[in-house]
Amino acid sequence: MLAPVPLPDIIMRNALIALFLGLSLAAFAASGPYDESADARADIQRALVAAKAANLPVLVVFGANWCADCKVLDGAFKSGPAAALIGARFQVVKVNVGRFNVNTDVADAYGVPLKQGIPTVAVLSPQGQVVYASTGGELADARHMGDQAIYDFFVKVSGTHR
């Protein structure tokens, strides 16, 4: 028969487990595709400089690390049929919008209504003019779109810059 564990030991053990889980979840939540400390305007300006040199448009992707659809879209940028297309046809900048409380002015400046859902995008000419802005939440359901629909969306969007 097992000896009973004194109540203070059980409370201490549970408190330590809760602390460990809390820290683990916080670390997991903090990691993601969007740099929460980035200067979005400076990042976009750097991308525009590179875009001019490469004669490519800038794809500005607005999202957040808590957003599952944003993570799915980011995965599509790294593998699958859209990855090569996006890598070849765009300079990409990811802009963190937090809980719709960060960089909303940047989204507004490019005509991107965040209230329609994230992730959402704007395409800028190498000179910085908006040539496309998703205004209807086109990517806000990226989890259910599938690789082909994401690819098709970016084929269409990549044709906006000529």
Protein backbone atom coordinates (compact mmCIF):
# COMPACT_ATOMS: atom_id res chain seq x y z
CA MET A 1 0.00 0.00 0.00
CA LEU A 2 1.23 3.48 -0.87
CA ALA A 3 1.89 5.92 1.91
CA PRO A 4 -0.35 9.00 1.77
CA VAL A 5 1.32 12.16 0.51
CA PRO A 6 0.94 15.08 2.89
CA LEU A 7 -1.48 17.72 1.60
CA PRO A 8 1.11 20.56 1.47
CA ASP A 9 3.31 18.40 -0.82
CA ILE A 10 0.38 17.80 -3.18
CA ILE A 11 -0.42 21.51 -3.29
CA MET A 12 3.23 22.38 -3.93
CA ARG A 13 3.55 19.75 -6.67
CA ASN A 14 0.35 20.94 -8.38
CA ALA A 15 1.49 24.56 -8.13
CA LEU A 16 4.81 23.67 -9.76
CA ILE A 17 3.06 21.75 -12.52
CA ALA A 18 0.71 24.67 -13.14
CA LEU A 19 3.64 27.09 -13.24
CA PHE A 20 5.55 24.89 -15.68
CA LEU A 21 2.51 24.52 -17.95
CA GLY A 22 1.83 28.23 -17.83
CA LEU A 23 5.39 29.09 -18.79
CA SER A 24 5.35 26.49 -21.54
CA LEU A 25 2.13 27.86 -22.99
CA ALA A 26 3.45 31.41 -22.79
CA ALA A 27 6.61 30.42 -24.65
CA PHE A 28 4.56 28.59 -27.28
CA ALA A 29 2.19 31.53 -27.73
CA ALA A 30 5.09 33.98 -28.06
CA SER A 31 6.64 32.04 -30.90
CA GLY A 32 5.14 32.33 -34.30
CA PRO A 33 5.52 33.82 -37.75
CA TYR A 34 5.04 37.44 -36.67
CA ASP A 35 7.77 39.40 -34.92
CA GLU A 36 5.86 41.20 -32.20
CA SER A 37 8.68 43.67 -31.63
CA ALA A 38 9.27 44.55 -35.28
CA ASP A 39 8.93 48.05 -36.69
CA ALA A 40 6.41 47.36 -39.46
CA ARG A 41 6.97 50.62 -41.32
CA ALA A 42 10.75 50.14 -41.34
CA ASP A 43 10.37 46.52 -42.47
CA ILE A 44 8.12 47.60 -45.34
CA GLN A 45 10.60 50.30 -46.38
CA ARG A 46 13.45 47.75 -46.41
CA ALA A 47 11.31 45.40 -48.51
CA LEU A 48 10.55 48.21 -50.95
CA VAL A 49 14.27 48.88 -51.43
CA ALA A 50 14.84 45.19 -52.18
CA ALA A 51 11.73 45.11 -54.38
CA LYS A 52 13.01 47.96 -56.54
CA ALA A 53 16.30 46.17 -57.06
CA ALA A 54 14.54 42.91 -57.97
CA ASN A 55 11.60 44.55 -59.78
CA LEU A 56 9.16 42.60 -57.63
CA PRO A 57 6.07 43.68 -55.74
CA VAL A 58 5.97 43.64 -51.96
CA LEU A 59 3.49 41.29 -50.33
CA VAL A 60 2.52 42.70 -46.94
CA VAL A 61 0.89 40.01 -44.82
CA PHE A 62 -1.07 41.18 -41.78
CA GLY A 63 -1.62 38.61 -39.04
CA ALA A 64 -0.91 37.54 -35.48
CA ASN A 65 0.79 34.69 -33.67
CA TRP A 66 -2.42 33.61 -31.90
CA CYS A 67 -4.22 33.20 -35.25
CA ALA A 68 -4.41 29.61 -36.51
CA ASP A 69 -5.22 30.72 -40.06
CA CYS A 70 -2.16 32.99 -40.02
CA LYS A 71 0.02 30.05 -39.03
CA VAL A 72 -1.47 27.90 -41.80
CA LEU A 73 -0.81 30.63 -44.37
CA ASP A 74 2.74 31.03 -43.08
CA GLY A 75 3.22 27.28 -43.52
CA ALA A 76 2.04 27.59 -47.12
CA PHE A 77 4.74 30.22 -47.64
CA LYS A 78 7.35 27.66 -46.55
CA SER A 79 6.18 24.49 -48.31
CA GLY A 80 3.62 23.37 -50.81
CA PRO A 81 2.73 24.78 -54.21
CA ALA A 82 2.40 28.41 -53.06
CA ALA A 83 5.88 28.53 -51.52
CA ALA A 84 7.85 28.61 -54.77
CA LEU A 85 5.40 31.02 -56.37
CA ILE A 86 5.53 33.47 -53.47
CA GLY A 87 9.31 33.19 -53.18
CA ALA A 88 9.76 33.93 -56.88
CA ARG A 89 7.17 36.68 -57.31
CA PHE A 90 7.20 38.74 -54.10
CA GLN A 91 9.26 40.41 -51.44
CA VAL A 92 7.36 39.35 -48.32
CA VAL A 93 6.86 41.39 -45.15
CA LYS A 94 4.85 40.06 -42.22
CA VAL A 95 3.14 42.66 -40.04
CA ASN A 96 1.92 41.76 -36.57
CA VAL A 97 -1.49 43.19 -35.68
CA GLY A 98 -1.59 41.79 -32.14
CA ARG A 99 -5.18 41.60 -30.97
CA PHE A 100 -6.16 44.22 -33.55
CA ASN A 101 -4.36 46.80 -31.42
CA VAL A 102 -0.97 47.04 -33.15
CA ASN A 103 -0.14 48.35 -36.63
CA THR A 104 -3.78 48.94 -37.48
CA ASP A 105 -2.72 52.30 -38.90
CA VAL A 106 -0.39 50.49 -41.30
CA ALA A 107 -3.23 48.26 -42.49
CA ASP A 108 -5.47 51.32 -42.86
CA ALA A 109 -2.79 53.12 -44.89
CA TYR A 110 -2.83 50.27 -47.41
CA GLY A 111 -6.62 49.93 -47.53
CA VAL A 112 -6.72 46.60 -45.69
CA PRO A 113 -9.76 46.25 -43.38
CA LEU A 114 -8.60 44.03 -40.53
CA LYS A 115 -12.18 43.61 -39.32
CA GLN A 116 -12.77 41.28 -42.30
CA GLY A 117 -10.36 38.82 -40.68
CA ILE A 118 -6.72 37.85 -40.70
CA PRO A 119 -4.50 36.89 -42.33
CA THR A 120 -4.97 39.51 -44.96
CA VAL A 121 -2.63 41.04 -47.50
CA ALA A 122 -1.71 44.08 -49.51
CA VAL A 123 0.47 44.05 -52.61
CA LEU A 124 2.63 47.10 -53.19
CA SER A 125 4.40 48.06 -56.38
CA PRO A 126 8.18 48.44 -55.98
CA GLN A 127 7.44 52.18 -55.76
CA GLY A 128 5.16 51.62 -52.76
CA GLN A 129 1.75 52.06 -54.38
CA VAL A 130 -1.04 49.68 -53.44
CA VAL A 131 -1.87 47.49 -56.44
CA TYR A 132 -4.05 45.05 -54.50
CA ALA A 133 -5.59 44.86 -51.04
CA SER A 134 -7.66 41.96 -49.79
CA THR A 135 -10.83 43.58 -48.56
CA GLY A 136 -13.18 40.64 -48.10
CA GLY A 137 -11.36 38.30 -45.74
CA GLU A 138 -10.15 36.17 -48.65
CA LEU A 139 -7.51 34.40 -46.54
CA ALA A 140 -9.21 34.52 -43.15
CA ASP A 141 -10.21 30.87 -43.50
CA ALA A 142 -6.79 29.62 -44.63
CA ARG A 143 -7.18 26.51 -42.45
CA HIS A 144 -9.96 25.28 -44.68
CA MET A 145 -8.77 26.61 -48.04
CA GLY A 146 -6.23 23.93 -48.82
CA ASP A 147 -2.95 24.27 -50.67
CA GLN A 148 -4.52 24.61 -54.12
CA ALA A 149 -6.85 27.47 -53.17
CA ILE A 150 -4.01 29.34 -51.45
CA TYR A 151 -1.85 28.83 -54.54
CA ASP A 152 -4.67 30.00 -56.84
CA PHE A 153 -5.20 33.11 -54.72
CA PHE A 154 -1.54 34.09 -55.02
CA VAL A 155 -1.45 33.35 -58.77
CA LYS A 156 -4.30 35.83 -59.15
CA VAL A 157 -2.71 38.38 -56.81
CA SER A 158 0.72 38.10 -58.42
CA GLY A 159 -0.86 39.18 -61.72
CA THR A 160 -1.85 42.54 -60.22
CA HIS A 161 1.70 43.86 -60.58
CA ARG A 162 2.84 44.45 -64.11
